[in-house]
Amino acid sequence: MEQHDVGALVVVKPGERKLIAGIITERGKVSQSHQGGRYHDRRASYATADIHTQNKLITVASDTSLLQAMQLMTEYGIRHVPVIDGKMTAMISIRDVIQAIVEEQQKELKRLNEFIRRGY
């Protein structure tokens, strides 16, 4: 994950339907490597069942608003959310959400500055 600058990977259940079993996150992997107060080599191999999410998997659809995705991420304390439309189509990260908000704010600031320059 570190080598490819990936913060999360989807774990897929075996079988034809390829249902999502969970997500392995960088944070989860780090937590596992420090389990029990002892440090384990972060390059060590772990079984995916040991480190992927075990709780309810939170997902969104492609028509979910940015605000709704952000609320889910905040409510559940998660940084990555799969986008499911019959099958997984994407993964949204908190970085994606922040970037989209910053872009929206920049556009709004530009509109306001143009309005001010034109006068009242």
PDB file of N, CA and C in Angstrom:
ATOM      1  N   MET A   1       0.830  -1.184   0.000  1.00  0.00           N
ATOM      2  CA  MET A   1       0.000   0.000   0.000  1.00  0.00           C
ATOM      3  C   MET A   1       0.880   1.256   0.000  1.00  0.00           C
ATOM      4  N   GLU A   2       1.861   1.248   0.856  1.00  0.00           N
ATOM      5  CA  GLU A   2       2.741   2.410   0.970  1.00  0.00           C
ATOM      6  C   GLU A   2       3.499   2.654  -0.332  1.00  0.00           C
ATOM      7  N   GLN A   3       3.957   1.581  -0.929  1.00  0.00           N
ATOM      8  CA  GLN A   3       4.742   1.679  -2.163  1.00  0.00           C
ATOM      9  C   GLN A   3       3.944   2.346  -3.284  1.00  0.00           C
ATOM     10  N   HIS A   4       2.638   2.105  -3.324  1.00  0.00           N
ATOM     11  CA  HIS A   4       1.782   2.636  -4.396  1.00  0.00           C
ATOM     12  C   HIS A   4       0.955   3.842  -3.944  1.00  0.00           C
ATOM     13  N   ASP A   5       1.252   4.372  -2.735  1.00  0.00           N
ATOM     14  CA  ASP A   5       0.551   5.534  -2.192  1.00  0.00           C
ATOM     15  C   ASP A   5      -0.965   5.316  -2.172  1.00  0.00           C
ATOM     16  N   VAL A   6      -1.359   4.162  -1.651  1.00  0.00           N
ATOM     17  CA  VAL A   6      -2.772   3.781  -1.556  1.00  0.00           C
ATOM     18  C   VAL A   6      -3.141   3.719  -0.077  1.00  0.00           C
ATOM     19  N   GLY A   7      -4.210   4.404   0.298  1.00  0.00           N
ATOM     20  CA  GLY A   7      -4.628   4.446   1.689  1.00  0.00           C
ATOM     21  C   GLY A   7      -5.625   3.379   2.082  1.00  0.00           C
ATOM     22  N   ALA A   8      -6.263   2.734   1.093  1.00  0.00           N
ATOM     23  CA  ALA A   8      -7.264   1.715   1.394  1.00  0.00           C
ATOM     24  C   ALA A   8      -7.393   0.741   0.232  1.00  0.00           C
ATOM     25  N   LEU A   9      -7.656  -0.505   0.579  1.00  0.00           N
ATOM     26  CA  LEU A   9      -7.909  -1.552  -0.412  1.00  0.00           C
ATOM     27  C   LEU A   9      -9.208  -2.257  -0.065  1.00  0.00           C
ATOM     28  N   VAL A  10      -9.948  -2.651  -1.066  1.00  0.00           N
ATOM     29  CA  VAL A  10     -11.193  -3.376  -0.859  1.00  0.00           C
ATOM     30  C   VAL A  10     -10.888  -4.871  -0.804  1.00  0.00           C
ATOM     31  N   VAL A  11     -11.485  -5.551   0.176  1.00  0.00           N
ATOM     32  CA  VAL A  11     -11.371  -7.006   0.298  1.00  0.00           C
ATOM     33  C   VAL A  11     -12.646  -7.594  -0.283  1.00  0.00           C
ATOM     34  N   VAL A  12     -12.486  -8.486  -1.259  1.00  0.00           N
ATOM     35  CA  VAL A  12     -13.633  -9.070  -1.952  1.00  0.00           C
ATOM     36  C   VAL A  12     -13.812 -10.515  -1.510  1.00  0.00           C
ATOM     37  N   LYS A  13     -15.066 -10.892  -1.245  1.00  0.00           N
ATOM     38  CA  LYS A  13     -15.377 -12.281  -0.893  1.00  0.00           C
ATOM     39  C   LYS A  13     -15.172 -13.150  -2.126  1.00  0.00           C
ATOM     40  N   PRO A  14     -14.676 -14.367  -1.936  1.00  0.00           N
ATOM     41  CA  PRO A  14     -14.513 -15.253  -3.096  1.00  0.00           C
ATOM     42  C   PRO A  14     -15.873 -15.623  -3.682  1.00  0.00           C
ATOM     43  N   GLY A  15     -15.902 -15.850  -4.960  1.00  0.00           N
ATOM     44  CA  GLY A  15     -17.145 -16.236  -5.626  1.00  0.00           C
ATOM     45  C   GLY A  15     -17.421 -15.360  -6.827  1.00  0.00           C
ATOM     46  N   GLU A  16     -18.453 -15.733  -7.549  1.00  0.00           N
ATOM     47  CA  GLU A  16     -18.806 -15.040  -8.783  1.00  0.00           C
ATOM     48  C   GLU A  16     -19.281 -13.606  -8.561  1.00  0.00           C
ATOM     49  N   ARG A  17     -20.025 -13.377  -7.498  1.00  0.00           N
ATOM     50  CA  ARG A  17     -20.651 -12.059  -7.307  1.00  0.00           C
ATOM     51  C   ARG A  17     -19.674 -10.999  -6.841  1.00  0.00           C
ATOM     52  N   LYS A  18     -18.529 -11.405  -6.323  1.00  0.00           N
ATOM     53  CA  LYS A  18     -17.488 -10.474  -5.870  1.00  0.00           C
ATOM     54  C   LYS A  18     -18.032  -9.407  -4.917  1.00  0.00           C
ATOM     55  N   LEU A  19     -18.695  -9.865  -3.867  1.00  0.00           N
ATOM     56  CA  LEU A  19     -19.227  -8.962  -2.853  1.00  0.00           C
ATOM     57  C   LEU A  19     -18.089  -8.436  -1.982  1.00  0.00           C
ATOM     58  N   ILE A  20     -18.245  -7.235  -1.487  1.00  0.00           N
ATOM     59  CA  ILE A  20     -17.208  -6.639  -0.655  1.00  0.00           C
ATOM     60  C   ILE A  20     -17.274  -7.221   0.753  1.00  0.00           C
ATOM     61  N   ALA A  21     -16.131  -7.735   1.221  1.00  0.00           N
ATOM     62  CA  ALA A  21     -16.045  -8.285   2.568  1.00  0.00           C
ATOM     63  C   ALA A  21     -15.634  -7.216   3.574  1.00  0.00           C
ATOM     64  N   GLY A  22     -14.889  -6.238   3.112  1.00  0.00           N
ATOM     65  CA  GLY A  22     -14.424  -5.181   4.009  1.00  0.00           C
ATOM     66  C   GLY A  22     -13.396  -4.313   3.318  1.00  0.00           C
ATOM     67  N   ILE A  23     -12.739  -3.492   4.101  1.00  0.00           N
ATOM     68  CA  ILE A  23     -11.720  -2.585   3.586  1.00  0.00           C
ATOM     69  C   ILE A  23     -10.488  -2.691   4.479  1.00  0.00           C
ATOM     70  N   ILE A  24      -9.334  -2.759   3.859  1.00  0.00           N
ATOM     71  CA  ILE A  24      -8.073  -2.682   4.589  1.00  0.00           C
ATOM     72  C   ILE A  24      -7.591  -1.245   4.444  1.00  0.00           C
ATOM     73  N   THR A  25      -7.340  -0.607   5.577  1.00  0.00           N
ATOM     74  CA  THR A  25      -6.862   0.777   5.536  1.00  0.00           C
ATOM     75  C   THR A  25      -5.457   0.853   6.105  1.00  0.00           C
ATOM     76  N   GLU A  26      -4.774   1.904   5.717  1.00  0.00           N
ATOM     77  CA  GLU A  26      -3.438   2.142   6.238  1.00  0.00           C
ATOM     78  C   GLU A  26      -3.493   2.286   7.759  1.00  0.00           C
ATOM     79  N   ARG A  27      -4.498   2.997   8.246  1.00  0.00           N
ATOM     80  CA  ARG A  27      -4.651   3.190   9.690  1.00  0.00           C
ATOM     81  C   ARG A  27      -4.902   1.859  10.395  1.00  0.00           C
ATOM     82  N   GLY A  28      -5.734   1.008   9.794  1.00  0.00           N
ATOM     83  CA  GLY A  28      -5.989  -0.306  10.378  1.00  0.00           C
ATOM     84  C   GLY A  28      -4.754  -1.176  10.412  1.00  0.00           C
ATOM     85  N   LYS A  29      -3.962  -1.097   9.366  1.00  0.00           N
ATOM     86  CA  LYS A  29      -2.725  -1.873   9.295  1.00  0.00           C
ATOM     87  C   LYS A  29      -1.742  -1.403  10.364  1.00  0.00           C
ATOM     88  N   VAL A  30      -1.648  -0.083  10.557  1.00  0.00           N
ATOM     89  CA  VAL A  30      -0.765   0.459  11.586  1.00  0.00           C
ATOM     90  C   VAL A  30      -1.254   0.031  12.963  1.00  0.00           C
ATOM     91  N   SER A  31      -2.564   0.084  13.194  1.00  0.00           N
ATOM     92  CA  SER A  31      -3.128  -0.340  14.476  1.00  0.00           C
ATOM     93  C   SER A  31      -2.791  -1.797  14.748  1.00  0.00           C
ATOM     94  N   GLN A  32      -2.901  -2.625  13.733  1.00  0.00           N
ATOM     95  CA  GLN A  32      -2.595  -4.052  13.874  1.00  0.00           C
ATOM     96  C   GLN A  32      -1.119  -4.250  14.221  1.00  0.00           C
ATOM     97  N   SER A  33      -0.249  -3.435  13.637  1.00  0.00           N
ATOM     98  CA  SER A  33       1.187  -3.609  13.872  1.00  0.00           C
ATOM     99  C   SER A  33       1.590  -3.183  15.280  1.00  0.00           C
ATOM    100  N   HIS A  34       0.704  -2.425  15.983  1.00  0.00           N
ATOM    101  CA  HIS A  34       0.996  -1.995  17.344  1.00  0.00           C
ATOM    102  C   HIS A  34       0.093  -2.689  18.369  1.00  0.00           C
ATOM    103  N   GLN A  35      -0.531  -3.762  17.976  1.00  0.00           N
ATOM    104  CA  GLN A  35      -1.491  -4.458  18.820  1.00  0.00           C
ATOM    105  C   GLN A  35      -0.827  -4.962  20.097  1.00  0.00           C
ATOM    106  N   GLY A  36      -1.537  -4.839  21.188  1.00  0.00           N
ATOM    107  CA  GLY A  36      -1.042  -5.348  22.462  1.00  0.00           C
ATOM    108  C   GLY A  36       0.096  -4.529  23.044  1.00  0.00           C
ATOM    109  N   GLY A  37       0.277  -3.303  22.568  1.00  0.00           N
ATOM    110  CA  GLY A  37       1.325  -2.458  23.107  1.00  0.00           C
ATOM    111  C   GLY A  37       2.711  -2.799  22.582  1.00  0.00           C
ATOM    112  N   ARG A  38       2.793  -3.800  21.757  1.00  0.00           N
ATOM    113  CA  ARG A  38       4.085  -4.184  21.176  1.00  0.00           C
ATOM    114  C   ARG A  38       4.082  -3.802  19.719  1.00  0.00           C
ATOM    115  N   TYR A  39       5.236  -3.369  19.244  1.00  0.00           N
ATOM    116  CA  TYR A  39       5.368  -3.018  17.837  1.00  0.00           C
ATOM    117  C   TYR A  39       5.728  -4.273  17.051  1.00  0.00           C
ATOM    118  N   HIS A  40       5.033  -4.482  15.949  1.00  0.00           N
ATOM    119  CA  HIS A  40       5.343  -5.559  15.009  1.00  0.00           C
ATOM    120  C   HIS A  40       5.817  -4.906  13.726  1.00  0.00           C
ATOM    121  N   ASP A  41       6.707  -5.530  13.029  1.00  0.00           N
ATOM    122  CA  ASP A  41       7.244  -4.967  11.786  1.00  0.00           C
ATOM    123  C   ASP A  41       6.102  -4.612  10.853  1.00  0.00           C
ATOM    124  N   ARG A  42       6.036  -3.345  10.437  1.00  0.00           N
ATOM    125  CA  ARG A  42       4.934  -2.896   9.571  1.00  0.00           C
ATOM    126  C   ARG A  42       4.973  -3.545   8.201  1.00  0.00           C
ATOM    127  N   ARG A  43       6.092  -4.141   7.840  1.00  0.00           N
ATOM    128  CA  ARG A  43       6.194  -4.829   6.548  1.00  0.00           C
ATOM    129  C   ARG A  43       5.762  -6.283   6.665  1.00  0.00           C
ATOM    130  N   ALA A  44       5.397  -6.695   7.871  1.00  0.00           N
ATOM    131  CA  ALA A  44       4.999  -8.086   8.085  1.00  0.00           C
ATOM    132  C   ALA A  44       3.736  -8.395   7.302  1.00  0.00           C
ATOM    133  N   SER A  45       3.550  -9.656   7.010  1.00  0.00           N
ATOM    134  CA  SER A  45       2.342 -10.091   6.302  1.00  0.00           C
ATOM    135  C   SER A  45       1.256 -10.411   7.314  1.00  0.00           C
ATOM    136  N   TYR A  46       0.060  -9.993   6.986  1.00  0.00           N
ATOM    137  CA  TYR A  46      -1.102 -10.279   7.810  1.00  0.00           C
ATOM    138  C   TYR A  46      -2.169 -10.904   6.930  1.00  0.00           C
ATOM    139  N   ALA A  47      -2.972 -11.774   7.532  1.00  0.00           N
ATOM    140  CA  ALA A  47      -4.129 -12.306   6.811  1.00  0.00           C
ATOM    141  C   ALA A  47      -5.137 -11.168   6.684  1.00  0.00           C
ATOM    142  N   THR A  48      -5.758 -11.043   5.523  1.00  0.00           N
ATOM    143  CA  THR A  48      -6.708  -9.939   5.335  1.00  0.00           C
ATOM    144  C   THR A  48      -7.830  -9.984   6.363  1.00  0.00           C
ATOM    145  N   ALA A  49      -8.233 -11.178   6.773  1.00  0.00           N
ATOM    146  CA  ALA A  49      -9.309 -11.298   7.765  1.00  0.00           C
ATOM    147  C   ALA A  49      -8.913 -10.670   9.096  1.00  0.00           C
ATOM    148  N   ASP A  50      -7.607 -10.594   9.369  1.00  0.00           N
ATOM    149  CA  ASP A  50      -7.135 -10.020  10.628  1.00  0.00           C
ATOM    150  C   ASP A  50      -7.136  -8.506  10.628  1.00  0.00           C
ATOM    151  N   ILE A  51      -7.051  -7.886   9.458  1.00  0.00           N
ATOM    152  CA  ILE A  51      -6.888  -6.430   9.448  1.00  0.00           C
ATOM    153  C   ILE A  51      -7.955  -5.660   8.679  1.00  0.00           C
ATOM    154  N   HIS A  52      -8.853  -6.334   7.952  1.00  0.00           N
ATOM    155  CA  HIS A  52      -9.884  -5.548   7.261  1.00  0.00           C
ATOM    156  C   HIS A  52     -11.023  -5.233   8.213  1.00  0.00           C
ATOM    157  N   THR A  53     -11.837  -4.259   7.824  1.00  0.00           N
ATOM    158  CA  THR A  53     -12.942  -3.817   8.673  1.00  0.00           C
ATOM    159  C   THR A  53     -13.833  -4.997   9.025  1.00  0.00           C
ATOM    160  N   GLN A  54     -14.209  -5.071  10.268  1.00  0.00           N
ATOM    161  CA  GLN A  54     -15.073  -6.149  10.740  1.00  0.00           C
ATOM    162  C   GLN A  54     -16.481  -5.629  11.049  1.00  0.00           C
ATOM    163  N   ASN A  55     -16.617  -4.334  11.107  1.00  0.00           N
ATOM    164  CA  ASN A  55     -17.894  -3.711  11.438  1.00  0.00           C
ATOM    165  C   ASN A  55     -18.751  -3.568  10.187  1.00  0.00           C
ATOM    166  N   LYS A  56     -19.886  -2.926  10.371  1.00  0.00           N
ATOM    167  CA  LYS A  56     -20.784  -2.652   9.254  1.00  0.00           C
ATOM    168  C   LYS A  56     -20.046  -1.846   8.191  1.00  0.00           C
ATOM    169  N   LEU A  57     -20.091  -2.293   6.966  1.00  0.00           N
ATOM    170  CA  LEU A  57     -19.438  -1.595   5.864  1.00  0.00           C
ATOM    171  C   LEU A  57     -20.327  -0.450   5.402  1.00  0.00           C
ATOM    172  N   ILE A  58     -19.804   0.756   5.442  1.00  0.00           N
ATOM    173  CA  ILE A  58     -20.537   1.947   5.027  1.00  0.00           C
ATOM    174  C   ILE A  58     -20.231   2.197   3.555  1.00  0.00           C
ATOM    175  N   THR A  59     -21.274   2.353   2.746  1.00  0.00           N
ATOM    176  CA  THR A  59     -21.103   2.616   1.314  1.00  0.00           C
ATOM    177  C   THR A  59     -22.018   3.773   0.911  1.00  0.00           C
ATOM    178  N   VAL A  60     -21.761   4.316  -0.274  1.00  0.00           N
ATOM    179  CA  VAL A  60     -22.627   5.337  -0.852  1.00  0.00           C
ATOM    180  C   VAL A  60     -22.914   4.958  -2.297  1.00  0.00           C
ATOM    181  N   ALA A  61     -23.903   5.620  -2.887  1.00  0.00           N
ATOM    182  CA  ALA A  61     -24.212   5.449  -4.307  1.00  0.00           C
ATOM    183  C   ALA A  61     -23.629   6.640  -5.056  1.00  0.00           C
ATOM    184  N   SER A  62     -23.533   6.526  -6.361  1.00  0.00           N
ATOM    185  CA  SER A  62     -22.940   7.615  -7.156  1.00  0.00           C
ATOM    186  C   SER A  62     -23.762   8.904  -7.094  1.00  0.00           C
ATOM    187  N   ASP A  63     -25.048   8.800  -6.741  1.00  0.00           N
ATOM    188  CA  ASP A  63     -25.867  10.011  -6.645  1.00  0.00           C
ATOM    189  C   ASP A  63     -25.918  10.584  -5.223  1.00  0.00           C
ATOM    190  N   THR A  64     -25.118  10.030  -4.319  1.00  0.00           N
ATOM    191  CA  THR A  64     -25.033  10.559  -2.960  1.00  0.00           C
ATOM    192  C   THR A  64     -24.333  11.915  -3.003  1.00  0.00           C
ATOM    193  N   SER A  65     -24.891  12.884  -2.298  1.00  0.00           N
ATOM    194  CA  SER A  65     -24.281  14.216  -2.313  1.00  0.00           C
ATOM    195  C   SER A  65     -22.973  14.215  -1.531  1.00  0.00           C
ATOM    196  N   LEU A  66     -22.151  15.183  -1.844  1.00  0.00           N
ATOM    197  CA  LEU A  66     -20.884  15.367  -1.148  1.00  0.00           C
ATOM    198  C   LEU A  66     -21.132  15.563   0.346  1.00  0.00           C
ATOM    199  N   LEU A  67     -22.136  16.353   0.683  1.00  0.00           N
ATOM    200  CA  LEU A  67     -22.475  16.612   2.079  1.00  0.00           C
ATOM    201  C   LEU A  67     -22.868  15.321   2.797  1.00  0.00           C
ATOM    202  N   GLN A  68     -23.681  14.484   2.140  1.00  0.00           N
ATOM    203  CA  GLN A  68     -24.093  13.218   2.754  1.00  0.00           C
ATOM    204  C   GLN A  68     -22.894  12.300   2.980  1.00  0.00           C
ATOM    205  N   ALA A  69     -21.996  12.219   1.998  1.00  0.00           N
ATOM    206  CA  ALA A  69     -20.801  11.382   2.142  1.00  0.00           C
ATOM    207  C   ALA A  69     -19.942  11.885   3.294  1.00  0.00           C
ATOM    208  N   MET A  70     -19.773  13.191   3.379  1.00  0.00           N
ATOM    209  CA  MET A  70     -18.981  13.786   4.442  1.00  0.00           C
ATOM    210  C   MET A  70     -19.616  13.505   5.815  1.00  0.00           C
ATOM    211  N   GLN A  71     -20.946  13.595   5.894  1.00  0.00           N
ATOM    212  CA  GLN A  71     -21.634  13.317   7.154  1.00  0.00           C
ATOM    213  C   GLN A  71     -21.436  11.862   7.578  1.00  0.00           C
ATOM    214  N   LEU A  72     -21.528  10.932   6.628  1.00  0.00           N
ATOM    215  CA  LEU A  72     -21.304   9.513   6.950  1.00  0.00           C
ATOM    216  C   LEU A  72     -19.879   9.281   7.436  1.00  0.00           C
ATOM    217  N   MET A  73     -18.923   9.874   6.759  1.00  0.00           N
ATOM    218  CA  MET A  73     -17.522   9.695   7.130  1.00  0.00           C
ATOM    219  C   MET A  73     -17.271  10.245   8.533  1.00  0.00           C
ATOM    220  N   THR A  74     -17.886  11.378   8.842  1.00  0.00           N
ATOM    221  CA  THR A  74     -17.730  11.981  10.165  1.00  0.00           C
ATOM    222  C   THR A  74     -18.432  11.147  11.231  1.00  0.00           C
ATOM    223  N   GLU A  75     -19.658  10.748  10.947  1.00  0.00           N
ATOM    224  CA  GLU A  75     -20.447   9.982  11.914  1.00  0.00           C
ATOM    225  C   GLU A  75     -19.781   8.664  12.288  1.00  0.00           C
ATOM    226  N   TYR A  76     -19.225   7.972  11.303  1.00  0.00           N
ATOM    227  CA  TYR A  76     -18.637   6.654  11.544  1.00  0.00           C
ATOM    228  C   TYR A  76     -17.120   6.697  11.734  1.00  0.00           C
ATOM    229  N   GLY A  77     -16.518   7.882  11.641  1.00  0.00           N
ATOM    230  CA  GLY A  77     -15.078   8.013  11.856  1.00  0.00           C
ATOM    231  C   GLY A  77     -14.257   7.252  10.827  1.00  0.00           C
ATOM    232  N   ILE A  78     -14.697   7.320   9.575  1.00  0.00           N
ATOM    233  CA  ILE A  78     -14.008   6.584   8.513  1.00  0.00           C
ATOM    234  C   ILE A  78     -13.439   7.552   7.484  1.00  0.00           C
ATOM    235  N   ARG A  79     -12.417   7.103   6.777  1.00  0.00           N
ATOM    236  CA  ARG A  79     -11.738   7.954   5.804  1.00  0.00           C
ATOM    237  C   ARG A  79     -11.938   7.512   4.365  1.00  0.00           C
ATOM    238  N   HIS A  80     -12.524   6.338   4.178  1.00  0.00           N
ATOM    239  CA  HIS A  80     -12.732   5.804   2.824  1.00  0.00           C
ATOM    240  C   HIS A  80     -14.108   5.172   2.733  1.00  0.00           C
ATOM    241  N   VAL A  81     -14.815   5.452   1.633  1.00  0.00           N
ATOM    242  CA  VAL A  81     -16.165   4.914   1.432  1.00  0.00           C
ATOM    243  C   VAL A  81     -16.281   4.391   0.006  1.00  0.00           C
ATOM    244  N   PRO A  82     -16.616   3.095  -0.152  1.00  0.00           N
ATOM    245  CA  PRO A  82     -16.847   2.570  -1.503  1.00  0.00           C
ATOM    246  C   PRO A  82     -18.123   3.142  -2.103  1.00  0.00           C
ATOM    247  N   VAL A  83     -18.086   3.376  -3.408  1.00  0.00           N
ATOM    248  CA  VAL A  83     -19.267   3.819  -4.154  1.00  0.00           C
ATOM    249  C   VAL A  83     -19.832   2.586  -4.841  1.00  0.00           C
ATOM    250  N   ILE A  84     -21.074   2.247  -4.509  1.00  0.00           N
ATOM    251  CA  ILE A  84     -21.702   1.035  -5.017  1.00  0.00           C
ATOM    252  C   ILE A  84     -22.919   1.395  -5.854  1.00  0.00           C
ATOM    253  N   ASP A  85     -22.941   0.958  -7.087  1.00  0.00           N
ATOM    254  CA  ASP A  85     -24.097   1.075  -7.979  1.00  0.00           C
ATOM    255  C   ASP A  85     -24.303  -0.296  -8.616  1.00  0.00           C
ATOM    256  N   GLY A  86     -24.830  -1.235  -7.826  1.00  0.00           N
ATOM    257  CA  GLY A  86     -24.933  -2.619  -8.289  1.00  0.00           C
ATOM    258  C   GLY A  86     -23.615  -3.353  -8.097  1.00  0.00           C
ATOM    259  N   LYS A  87     -22.522  -2.664  -8.359  1.00  0.00           N
ATOM    260  CA  LYS A  87     -21.171  -3.171  -8.109  1.00  0.00           C
ATOM    261  C   LYS A  87     -20.326  -1.971  -7.683  1.00  0.00           C
ATOM    262  N   MET A  88     -19.157  -2.245  -7.159  1.00  0.00           N
ATOM    263  CA  MET A  88     -18.295  -1.143  -6.749  1.00  0.00           C
ATOM    264  C   MET A  88     -17.782  -0.405  -7.969  1.00  0.00           C
ATOM    265  N   THR A  89     -17.969   0.916  -7.971  1.00  0.00           N
ATOM    266  CA  THR A  89     -17.532   1.717  -9.111  1.00  0.00           C
ATOM    267  C   THR A  89     -16.391   2.670  -8.763  1.00  0.00           C
ATOM    268  N   ALA A  90     -16.227   2.969  -7.462  1.00  0.00           N
ATOM    269  CA  ALA A  90     -15.178   3.906  -7.052  1.00  0.00           C
ATOM    270  C   ALA A  90     -14.986   3.822  -5.548  1.00  0.00           C
ATOM    271  N   MET A  91     -13.999   4.575  -5.072  1.00  0.00           N
ATOM    272  CA  MET A  91     -13.756   4.714  -3.635  1.00  0.00           C
ATOM    273  C   MET A  91     -13.546   6.201  -3.379  1.00  0.00           C
ATOM    274  N   ILE A  92     -14.279   6.750  -2.426  1.00  0.00           N
ATOM    275  CA  ILE A  92     -14.127   8.154  -2.050  1.00  0.00           C
ATOM    276  C   ILE A  92     -13.283   8.207  -0.780  1.00  0.00           C
ATOM    277  N   SER A  93     -12.301   9.076  -0.766  1.00  0.00           N
ATOM    278  CA  SER A  93     -11.492   9.271   0.437  1.00  0.00           C
ATOM    279  C   SER A  93     -11.800  10.631   1.037  1.00  0.00           C
ATOM    280  N   ILE A  94     -11.420  10.815   2.278  1.00  0.00           N
ATOM    281  CA  ILE A  94     -11.612  12.113   2.921  1.00  0.00           C
ATOM    282  C   ILE A  94     -10.844  13.177   2.151  1.00  0.00           C
ATOM    283  N   ARG A  95      -9.722  12.810   1.558  1.00  0.00           N
ATOM    284  CA  ARG A  95      -8.954  13.755   0.739  1.00  0.00           C
ATOM    285  C   ARG A  95      -9.785  14.226  -0.451  1.00  0.00           C
ATOM    286  N   ASP A  96     -10.520  13.302  -1.080  1.00  0.00           N
ATOM    287  CA  ASP A  96     -11.398  13.666  -2.203  1.00  0.00           C
ATOM    288  C   ASP A  96     -12.462  14.655  -1.759  1.00  0.00           C
ATOM    289  N   VAL A  97     -13.036  14.410  -0.585  1.00  0.00           N
ATOM    290  CA  VAL A  97     -14.093  15.273  -0.061  1.00  0.00           C
ATOM    291  C   VAL A  97     -13.547  16.673   0.204  1.00  0.00           C
ATOM    292  N   ILE A  98     -12.408  16.741   0.870  1.00  0.00           N
ATOM    293  CA  ILE A  98     -11.810  18.044   1.180  1.00  0.00           C
ATOM    294  C   ILE A  98     -11.461  18.791  -0.100  1.00  0.00           C
ATOM    295  N   GLN A  99     -10.885  18.079  -1.056  1.00  0.00           N
ATOM    296  CA  GLN A  99     -10.512  18.714  -2.327  1.00  0.00           C
ATOM    297  C   GLN A  99     -11.745  19.292  -3.025  1.00  0.00           C
ATOM    298  N   ALA A 100     -12.835  18.535  -3.048  1.00  0.00           N
ATOM    299  CA  ALA A 100     -14.067  19.014  -3.688  1.00  0.00           C
ATOM    300  C   ALA A 100     -14.621  20.239  -2.965  1.00  0.00           C
ATOM    301  N   ILE A 101     -14.570  20.249  -1.646  1.00  0.00           N
ATOM    302  CA  ILE A 101     -15.061  21.396  -0.881  1.00  0.00           C
ATOM    303  C   ILE A 101     -14.201  22.623  -1.158  1.00  0.00           C
ATOM    304  N   VAL A 102     -12.890  22.444  -1.177  1.00  0.00           N
ATOM    305  CA  VAL A 102     -11.990  23.570  -1.465  1.00  0.00           C
ATOM    306  C   VAL A 102     -12.277  24.127  -2.856  1.00  0.00           C
ATOM    307  N   GLU A 103     -12.467  23.253  -3.839  1.00  0.00           N
ATOM    308  CA  GLU A 103     -12.775  23.718  -5.201  1.00  0.00           C
ATOM    309  C   GLU A 103     -14.085  24.497  -5.242  1.00  0.00           C
ATOM    310  N   GLU A 104     -15.106  24.008  -4.518  1.00  0.00           N
ATOM    311  CA  GLU A 104     -16.382  24.723  -4.468  1.00  0.00           C
ATOM    312  C   GLU A 104     -16.215  26.095  -3.827  1.00  0.00           C
ATOM    313  N   GLN A 105     -15.436  26.158  -2.754  1.00  0.00           N
ATOM    314  CA  GLN A 105     -15.207  27.428  -2.065  1.00  0.00           C
ATOM    315  C   GLN A 105     -14.436  28.407  -2.950  1.00  0.00           C
ATOM    316  N   GLN A 106     -13.467  27.904  -3.697  1.00  0.00           N
ATOM    317  CA  GLN A 106     -12.710  28.764  -4.610  1.00  0.00           C
ATOM    318  C   GLN A 106     -13.609  29.344  -5.699  1.00  0.00           C
ATOM    319  N   LYS A 107     -14.511  28.521  -6.225  1.00  0.00           N
ATOM    320  CA  LYS A 107     -15.448  29.006  -7.243  1.00  0.00           C
ATOM    321  C   LYS A 107     -16.368  30.083  -6.660  1.00  0.00           C
ATOM    322  N   GLU A 108     -16.855  29.843  -5.448  1.00  0.00           N
ATOM    323  CA  GLU A 108     -17.730  30.813  -4.802  1.00  0.00           C
ATOM    324  C   GLU A 108     -16.983  32.117  -4.533  1.00  0.00           C
ATOM    325  N   LEU A 109     -15.760  32.035  -4.076  1.00  0.00           N
ATOM    326  CA  LEU A 109     -14.944  33.217  -3.830  1.00  0.00           C
ATOM    327  C   LEU A 109     -14.720  33.997  -5.120  1.00  0.00           C
ATOM    328  N   LYS A 110     -14.470  33.303  -6.215  1.00  0.00           N
ATOM    329  CA  LYS A 110     -14.290  33.960  -7.510  1.00  0.00           C
ATOM    330  C   LYS A 110     -15.570  34.694  -7.920  1.00  0.00           C
ATOM    331  N   ARG A 111     -16.735  34.041  -7.757  1.00  0.00           N
ATOM    332  CA  ARG A 111     -18.012  34.681  -8.094  1.00  0.00           C
ATOM    333  C   ARG A 111     -18.242  35.932  -7.244  1.00  0.00           C
ATOM    334  N   LEU A 112     -17.939  35.850  -5.961  1.00  0.00           N
ATOM    335  CA  LEU A 112     -18.128  36.996  -5.080  1.00  0.00           C
ATOM    336  C   LEU A 112     -17.196  38.145  -5.441  1.00  0.00           C
ATOM    337  N   ASN A 113     -15.946  37.816  -5.752  1.00  0.00           N
ATOM    338  CA  ASN A 113     -14.997  38.865  -6.155  1.00  0.00           C
ATOM    339  C   ASN A 113     -15.443  39.545  -7.445  1.00  0.00           C
ATOM    340  N   GLU A 114     -15.964  38.776  -8.390  1.00  0.00           N
ATOM    341  CA  GLU A 114     -16.465  39.356  -9.643  1.00  0.00           C
ATOM    342  C   GLU A 114     -17.666  40.255  -9.371  1.00  0.00           C
ATOM    343  N   PHE A 115     -18.523  39.839  -8.468  1.00  0.00           N
ATOM    344  CA  PHE A 115     -19.690  40.636  -8.096  1.00  0.00           C
ATOM    345  C   PHE A 115     -19.253  41.965  -7.480  1.00  0.00           C
ATOM    346  N   ILE A 116     -18.272  41.910  -6.575  1.00  0.00           N
ATOM    347  CA  ILE A 116     -17.772  43.124  -5.922  1.00  0.00           C
ATOM    348  C   ILE A 116     -17.153  44.077  -6.930  1.00  0.00           C
ATOM    349  N   ARG A 117     -16.380  43.543  -7.896  1.00  0.00           N
ATOM    350  CA  ARG A 117     -15.722  44.381  -8.897  1.00  0.00           C
ATOM    351  C   ARG A 117     -16.743  45.106  -9.772  1.00  0.00           C
ATOM    352  N   ARG A 118     -17.882  44.483 -10.021  1.00  0.00           N
ATOM    353  CA  ARG A 118     -18.915  45.110 -10.859  1.00  0.00           C
ATOM    354  C   ARG A 118     -19.647  46.206 -10.120  1.00  0.00           C
ATOM    355  N   GLY A 119     -19.550  46.205  -8.813  1.00  0.00           N
ATOM    356  CA  GLY A 119     -20.235  47.217  -8.006  1.00  0.00           C
ATOM    357  C   GLY A 119     -21.627  46.780  -7.626  1.00  0.00           C
ATOM    358  N   TYR A 120     -22.238  47.618  -6.833  1.00  0.00           N
ATOM    359  CA  TYR A 120     -23.576  47.268  -6.321  1.00  0.00           C
ATOM    360  C   TYR A 120     -24.574  47.818  -7.252  1.00  0.00           C
TER     361      TYR A 120
END
